[in-house]
Amino acid sequence: MATNERMSPVSDKVLMATGFASWGMTGGTAAALLCAELALGRDSPWSSFFDPNRLTVRASVSRLVTENAVIALRFLGCRVACIRAERSWDRPCHGSRFSPTGDVLQGPAAHRLERRPVG
């Protein structure tokens, strides 16, 4: 690379792979192998799967709306579950834990549980 040439996220000289969540070991390994091939100037049949420009808003919007609507319907009215061994209330829809009195023990919840009458 010439000294006056700058690297940027849109440069074809920057190879980056992120955002694999729970697929980090598998996706990260595949991405590393792909980056090695590309750095050596070789083509890879997998490059289209990791191309950041593979998705367009127009092509993706209907799937985004559908998937988010399904998730919203599934988790509306999420109930807490009493975990006696841990002396906590858990909300499985987002993974928060609360003390027996409703205080947040573990987020992402930012507020304590509201007490509601049974029935």
N, C-alpha and C. Protein backbone atom coordinates (compact mmCIF):
# COMPACT_ATOMS: atom_id res chain seq x y z
N MET A 1 0.85 -1.17 0.00
CA MET A 1 0.00 0.00 0.00
C MET A 1 0.90 1.23 0.00
N ALA A 2 0.59 2.18 -0.84
CA ALA A 2 1.35 3.41 -0.90
C ALA A 2 1.15 4.20 0.39
N THR A 3 2.15 4.99 0.77
CA THR A 3 2.07 5.71 2.05
C THR A 3 0.97 6.77 2.05
N ASN A 4 0.62 7.30 0.88
CA ASN A 4 -0.45 8.32 0.84
C ASN A 4 -1.83 7.70 0.71
N GLU A 5 -1.91 6.40 0.59
CA GLU A 5 -3.19 5.71 0.48
C GLU A 5 -3.73 5.41 1.87
N ARG A 6 -4.97 5.78 2.12
CA ARG A 6 -5.57 5.58 3.45
C ARG A 6 -6.52 4.40 3.44
N MET A 7 -6.58 3.70 4.56
CA MET A 7 -7.51 2.59 4.70
C MET A 7 -8.80 3.13 5.31
N SER A 8 -9.91 2.63 4.82
CA SER A 8 -11.21 3.02 5.35
C SER A 8 -12.12 1.79 5.31
N PRO A 9 -13.27 1.84 6.03
CA PRO A 9 -14.17 0.68 6.01
C PRO A 9 -14.69 0.30 4.63
N VAL A 10 -14.66 1.23 3.68
CA VAL A 10 -15.13 0.90 2.33
C VAL A 10 -13.99 0.53 1.39
N SER A 11 -12.78 0.52 1.89
CA SER A 11 -11.62 0.15 1.09
C SER A 11 -11.65 -1.34 0.79
N ASP A 12 -11.17 -1.72 -0.39
CA ASP A 12 -11.12 -3.15 -0.71
C ASP A 12 -9.90 -3.81 -0.07
N LYS A 13 -9.13 -3.04 0.70
CA LYS A 13 -7.96 -3.58 1.37
C LYS A 13 -8.23 -3.90 2.84
N VAL A 14 -9.43 -3.61 3.30
CA VAL A 14 -9.80 -3.90 4.68
C VAL A 14 -10.66 -5.15 4.69
N LEU A 15 -10.23 -6.16 5.42
CA LEU A 15 -11.00 -7.39 5.56
C LEU A 15 -11.47 -7.48 7.00
N MET A 16 -12.76 -7.57 7.20
CA MET A 16 -13.32 -7.56 8.54
C MET A 16 -14.52 -8.50 8.60
N ALA A 17 -14.66 -9.18 9.72
CA ALA A 17 -15.81 -10.06 9.93
C ALA A 17 -16.25 -9.91 11.38
N THR A 18 -17.52 -9.54 11.60
CA THR A 18 -18.03 -9.35 12.96
C THR A 18 -19.47 -9.80 13.04
N GLY A 19 -20.01 -9.81 14.26
CA GLY A 19 -21.43 -10.01 14.48
C GLY A 19 -21.93 -11.43 14.34
N PHE A 20 -21.20 -12.40 14.82
CA PHE A 20 -21.62 -13.79 14.67
C PHE A 20 -22.45 -14.30 15.84
N ALA A 21 -22.55 -13.52 16.92
CA ALA A 21 -23.35 -13.86 18.09
C ALA A 21 -23.02 -15.28 18.57
N SER A 22 -24.03 -16.12 18.69
CA SER A 22 -23.78 -17.47 19.21
C SER A 22 -23.12 -18.39 18.18
N TRP A 23 -22.92 -17.91 16.96
CA TRP A 23 -22.23 -18.68 15.92
C TRP A 23 -20.79 -18.22 15.75
N GLY A 24 -20.20 -17.64 16.80
CA GLY A 24 -18.86 -17.07 16.72
C GLY A 24 -17.77 -18.04 16.32
N MET A 25 -17.78 -19.23 16.90
CA MET A 25 -16.72 -20.19 16.58
C MET A 25 -16.83 -20.65 15.12
N THR A 26 -18.02 -20.98 14.70
CA THR A 26 -18.22 -21.47 13.34
C THR A 26 -18.09 -20.35 12.31
N GLY A 27 -18.86 -19.29 12.51
CA GLY A 27 -18.82 -18.17 11.56
C GLY A 27 -17.48 -17.48 11.53
N GLY A 28 -16.86 -17.33 12.71
CA GLY A 28 -15.55 -16.69 12.78
C GLY A 28 -14.48 -17.48 12.06
N THR A 29 -14.52 -18.80 12.22
CA THR A 29 -13.56 -19.66 11.53
C THR A 29 -13.76 -19.60 10.02
N ALA A 30 -15.02 -19.67 9.58
CA ALA A 30 -15.30 -19.58 8.14
C ALA A 30 -14.86 -18.23 7.59
N ALA A 31 -15.13 -17.16 8.35
CA ALA A 31 -14.75 -15.82 7.90
C ALA A 31 -13.23 -15.67 7.84
N ALA A 32 -12.52 -16.25 8.81
CA ALA A 32 -11.05 -16.18 8.80
C ALA A 32 -10.48 -16.90 7.59
N LEU A 33 -11.04 -18.07 7.26
CA LEU A 33 -10.58 -18.79 6.07
C LEU A 33 -10.85 -17.99 4.80
N LEU A 34 -12.02 -17.36 4.74
CA LEU A 34 -12.36 -16.54 3.59
C LEU A 34 -11.42 -15.33 3.48
N CYS A 35 -11.16 -14.66 4.61
CA CYS A 35 -10.27 -13.50 4.60
C CYS A 35 -8.87 -13.89 4.12
N ALA A 36 -8.40 -15.06 4.53
CA ALA A 36 -7.08 -15.53 4.09
C ALA A 36 -7.06 -15.73 2.57
N GLU A 37 -8.12 -16.34 2.04
CA GLU A 37 -8.20 -16.54 0.58
C GLU A 37 -8.21 -15.19 -0.15
N LEU A 38 -9.01 -14.26 0.33
CA LEU A 38 -9.11 -12.96 -0.32
C LEU A 38 -7.79 -12.18 -0.21
N ALA A 39 -7.12 -12.28 0.93
CA ALA A 39 -5.84 -11.59 1.11
C ALA A 39 -4.78 -12.13 0.15
N LEU A 40 -4.91 -13.41 -0.20
CA LEU A 40 -3.99 -14.02 -1.16
C LEU A 40 -4.42 -13.80 -2.61
N GLY A 41 -5.52 -13.09 -2.79
CA GLY A 41 -6.00 -12.78 -4.14
C GLY A 41 -6.77 -13.91 -4.80
N ARG A 42 -7.23 -14.86 -4.02
CA ARG A 42 -7.98 -16.00 -4.56
C ARG A 42 -9.48 -15.77 -4.43
N ASP A 43 -10.22 -16.31 -5.35
CA ASP A 43 -11.68 -16.28 -5.26
C ASP A 43 -12.16 -17.36 -4.32
N SER A 44 -13.32 -17.12 -3.71
CA SER A 44 -13.90 -18.12 -2.82
C SER A 44 -15.39 -18.24 -3.12
N PRO A 45 -15.92 -19.44 -3.17
CA PRO A 45 -17.36 -19.60 -3.41
C PRO A 45 -18.19 -19.08 -2.24
N TRP A 46 -17.56 -18.82 -1.10
CA TRP A 46 -18.28 -18.37 0.10
C TRP A 46 -18.32 -16.85 0.22
N SER A 47 -17.61 -16.13 -0.63
CA SER A 47 -17.52 -14.68 -0.47
C SER A 47 -18.87 -13.98 -0.53
N SER A 48 -19.81 -14.49 -1.30
CA SER A 48 -21.12 -13.83 -1.39
C SER A 48 -21.89 -13.91 -0.07
N PHE A 49 -21.65 -14.96 0.75
CA PHE A 49 -22.33 -15.09 2.03
C PHE A 49 -21.85 -14.07 3.05
N PHE A 50 -20.62 -13.60 2.91
CA PHE A 50 -20.04 -12.66 3.87
C PHE A 50 -19.95 -11.24 3.32
N ASP A 51 -20.47 -11.02 2.14
CA ASP A 51 -20.42 -9.69 1.52
C ASP A 51 -21.36 -8.74 2.27
N PRO A 52 -20.85 -7.63 2.84
CA PRO A 52 -21.71 -6.72 3.58
C PRO A 52 -22.76 -6.03 2.70
N ASN A 53 -22.58 -6.07 1.41
CA ASN A 53 -23.54 -5.44 0.49
C ASN A 53 -24.53 -6.45 -0.09
N ARG A 54 -24.58 -7.67 0.48
CA ARG A 54 -25.45 -8.71 -0.06
C ARG A 54 -26.92 -8.43 0.18
N LEU A 55 -27.24 -7.64 1.19
CA LEU A 55 -28.64 -7.35 1.51
C LEU A 55 -28.98 -5.92 1.13
N THR A 56 -30.16 -5.75 0.61
CA THR A 56 -30.64 -4.41 0.31
C THR A 56 -31.88 -4.15 1.15
N VAL A 57 -32.15 -2.91 1.45
CA VAL A 57 -33.31 -2.55 2.26
C VAL A 57 -34.59 -3.03 1.59
N ARG A 58 -34.70 -2.81 0.29
CA ARG A 58 -35.92 -3.19 -0.42
C ARG A 58 -36.16 -4.69 -0.36
N ALA A 59 -35.12 -5.48 -0.53
CA ALA A 59 -35.27 -6.93 -0.52
C ALA A 59 -35.46 -7.47 0.90
N SER A 60 -34.99 -6.74 1.90
CA SER A 60 -35.00 -7.24 3.27
C SER A 60 -36.18 -6.75 4.11
N VAL A 61 -36.84 -5.68 3.72
CA VAL A 61 -37.83 -5.05 4.59
C VAL A 61 -39.01 -5.97 4.91
N SER A 62 -39.51 -6.73 3.96
CA SER A 62 -40.66 -7.59 4.25
C SER A 62 -40.29 -8.68 5.25
N ARG A 63 -39.11 -9.25 5.12
CA ARG A 63 -38.67 -10.28 6.08
C ARG A 63 -38.46 -9.66 7.46
N LEU A 64 -37.87 -8.47 7.50
CA LEU A 64 -37.66 -7.79 8.77
C LEU A 64 -38.97 -7.53 9.50
N VAL A 65 -39.96 -7.03 8.80
CA VAL A 65 -41.26 -6.74 9.39
C VAL A 65 -41.93 -8.03 9.86
N THR A 66 -41.91 -9.05 9.03
CA THR A 66 -42.54 -10.32 9.38
C THR A 66 -41.90 -10.94 10.62
N GLU A 67 -40.57 -11.03 10.64
CA GLU A 67 -39.89 -11.65 11.78
C GLU A 67 -40.11 -10.87 13.06
N ASN A 68 -40.09 -9.54 13.00
CA ASN A 68 -40.29 -8.74 14.20
C ASN A 68 -41.73 -8.82 14.68
N ALA A 69 -42.68 -8.93 13.77
CA ALA A 69 -44.08 -9.08 14.18
C ALA A 69 -44.29 -10.42 14.88
N VAL A 70 -43.68 -11.47 14.38
CA VAL A 70 -43.79 -12.79 15.01
C VAL A 70 -43.20 -12.75 16.41
N ILE A 71 -42.05 -12.13 16.56
CA ILE A 71 -41.41 -12.04 17.87
C ILE A 71 -42.27 -11.22 18.83
N ALA A 72 -42.80 -10.10 18.36
CA ALA A 72 -43.64 -9.25 19.22
C ALA A 72 -44.87 -10.02 19.69
N LEU A 73 -45.52 -10.75 18.79
CA LEU A 73 -46.70 -11.51 19.18
C LEU A 73 -46.35 -12.64 20.16
N ARG A 74 -45.21 -13.24 19.94
CA ARG A 74 -44.80 -14.36 20.79
C ARG A 74 -44.52 -13.91 22.22
N PHE A 75 -43.94 -12.72 22.38
CA PHE A 75 -43.50 -12.30 23.70
C PHE A 75 -44.41 -11.26 24.36
N LEU A 76 -45.49 -10.82 23.73
CA LEU A 76 -46.43 -9.94 24.43
C LEU A 76 -47.04 -10.72 25.56
N GLY A 77 -47.12 -10.11 26.71
CA GLY A 77 -47.69 -10.79 27.86
C GLY A 77 -46.74 -11.82 28.47
N CYS A 78 -45.45 -11.60 28.34
CA CYS A 78 -44.46 -12.51 28.89
C CYS A 78 -44.63 -12.60 30.40
N ARG A 79 -44.73 -13.81 30.90
CA ARG A 79 -44.95 -14.02 32.34
C ARG A 79 -43.63 -14.32 33.04
N VAL A 80 -43.62 -14.05 34.32
CA VAL A 80 -42.44 -14.39 35.11
C VAL A 80 -42.60 -15.80 35.66
N ALA A 81 -41.49 -16.44 35.87
CA ALA A 81 -41.48 -17.80 36.43
C ALA A 81 -40.70 -17.79 37.73
N CYS A 82 -41.23 -18.42 38.75
CA CYS A 82 -40.56 -18.51 40.05
C CYS A 82 -39.51 -19.61 39.98
N ILE A 83 -38.26 -19.24 40.28
CA ILE A 83 -37.17 -20.21 40.33
C ILE A 83 -36.79 -20.37 41.80
N ARG A 84 -37.36 -21.36 42.45
CA ARG A 84 -37.19 -21.52 43.90
C ARG A 84 -35.73 -21.76 44.31
N ALA A 85 -35.01 -22.56 43.56
CA ALA A 85 -33.62 -22.87 43.92
C ALA A 85 -32.75 -21.62 43.94
N GLU A 86 -33.07 -20.65 43.08
CA GLU A 86 -32.28 -19.41 43.00
C GLU A 86 -32.93 -18.26 43.74
N ARG A 87 -34.12 -18.52 44.30
CA ARG A 87 -34.88 -17.47 44.98
C ARG A 87 -35.01 -16.23 44.08
N SER A 88 -35.55 -16.46 42.89
CA SER A 88 -35.71 -15.35 41.94
C SER A 88 -36.93 -15.56 41.07
N TRP A 89 -37.33 -14.47 40.45
CA TRP A 89 -38.35 -14.50 39.40
C TRP A 89 -37.61 -14.28 38.09
N ASP A 90 -37.88 -15.09 37.09
CA ASP A 90 -37.21 -14.96 35.79
C ASP A 90 -38.23 -14.63 34.72
N ARG A 91 -37.83 -13.78 33.76
CA ARG A 91 -38.65 -13.49 32.59
C ARG A 91 -37.94 -14.12 31.39
N PRO A 92 -38.37 -15.29 30.98
CA PRO A 92 -37.67 -16.00 29.91
C PRO A 92 -37.71 -15.30 28.57
N CYS A 93 -38.64 -14.37 28.36
CA CYS A 93 -38.72 -13.72 27.05
C CYS A 93 -37.54 -12.79 26.81
N HIS A 94 -36.90 -12.27 27.86
CA HIS A 94 -35.73 -11.43 27.62
C HIS A 94 -34.58 -11.70 28.58
N GLY A 95 -34.72 -12.69 29.45
CA GLY A 95 -33.60 -13.13 30.27
C GLY A 95 -33.33 -12.33 31.53
N SER A 96 -34.23 -11.47 31.96
CA SER A 96 -34.02 -10.72 33.19
C SER A 96 -34.36 -11.58 34.40
N ARG A 97 -33.69 -11.28 35.53
CA ARG A 97 -33.97 -11.96 36.79
C ARG A 97 -34.29 -10.92 37.84
N PHE A 98 -35.21 -11.27 38.73
CA PHE A 98 -35.66 -10.35 39.76
C PHE A 98 -35.62 -11.03 41.13
N SER A 99 -35.42 -10.23 42.17
CA SER A 99 -35.43 -10.75 43.54
C SER A 99 -36.86 -11.12 43.92
N PRO A 100 -37.04 -11.81 45.06
CA PRO A 100 -38.40 -12.15 45.50
C PRO A 100 -39.30 -10.92 45.70
N THR A 101 -38.69 -9.76 45.95
CA THR A 101 -39.48 -8.54 46.13
C THR A 101 -39.64 -7.75 44.83
N GLY A 102 -39.05 -8.23 43.74
CA GLY A 102 -39.23 -7.58 42.43
C GLY A 102 -38.10 -6.71 41.96
N ASP A 103 -37.04 -6.55 42.75
CA ASP A 103 -35.90 -5.73 42.33
C ASP A 103 -35.11 -6.45 41.24
N VAL A 104 -34.54 -5.69 40.31
CA VAL A 104 -33.76 -6.26 39.21
C VAL A 104 -32.45 -6.84 39.75
N LEU A 105 -32.24 -8.12 39.49
CA LEU A 105 -30.98 -8.78 39.83
C LEU A 105 -30.04 -8.81 38.64
N GLN A 106 -30.64 -9.04 37.46
CA GLN A 106 -29.85 -9.16 36.23
C GLN A 106 -30.70 -8.65 35.07
N GLY A 107 -30.15 -7.74 34.26
CA GLY A 107 -30.86 -7.13 33.14
C GLY A 107 -30.97 -8.05 31.96
N PRO A 108 -31.61 -7.55 30.94
CA PRO A 108 -31.68 -6.18 30.48
C PRO A 108 -32.78 -5.30 31.09
N ALA A 109 -33.66 -5.85 31.92
CA ALA A 109 -34.71 -5.01 32.52
C ALA A 109 -34.08 -3.86 33.29
N ALA A 110 -34.67 -2.69 33.15
CA ALA A 110 -34.17 -1.50 33.84
C ALA A 110 -35.02 -1.13 35.05
N HIS A 111 -36.21 -1.71 35.15
CA HIS A 111 -37.14 -1.36 36.24
C HIS A 111 -37.58 -2.61 36.97
N ARG A 112 -37.93 -2.42 38.23
CA ARG A 112 -38.39 -3.54 39.04
C ARG A 112 -39.74 -4.04 38.54
N LEU A 113 -40.11 -5.22 38.95
CA LEU A 113 -41.41 -5.78 38.60
C LEU A 113 -42.52 -5.00 39.31
N GLU A 114 -43.62 -4.80 38.61
CA GLU A 114 -44.80 -4.20 39.22
C GLU A 114 -45.62 -5.31 39.86
N ARG A 115 -46.17 -5.01 41.02
CA ARG A 115 -47.02 -6.00 41.69
C ARG A 115 -48.43 -5.87 41.14
N ARG A 116 -48.96 -6.98 40.66
CA ARG A 116 -50.32 -6.98 40.10
C ARG A 116 -51.17 -7.97 40.86
N PRO A 117 -52.44 -7.65 41.03
CA PRO A 117 -53.34 -8.59 41.72
C PRO A 117 -53.53 -9.87 40.90
N VAL A 118 -53.65 -10.96 41.58
CA VAL A 118 -53.87 -12.25 40.93
C VAL A 118 -55.34 -12.40 40.64
N GLY A 119 -55.67 -12.92 39.46
CA GLY A 119 -57.08 -13.19 39.18
C GLY A 119 -57.58 -12.67 37.95
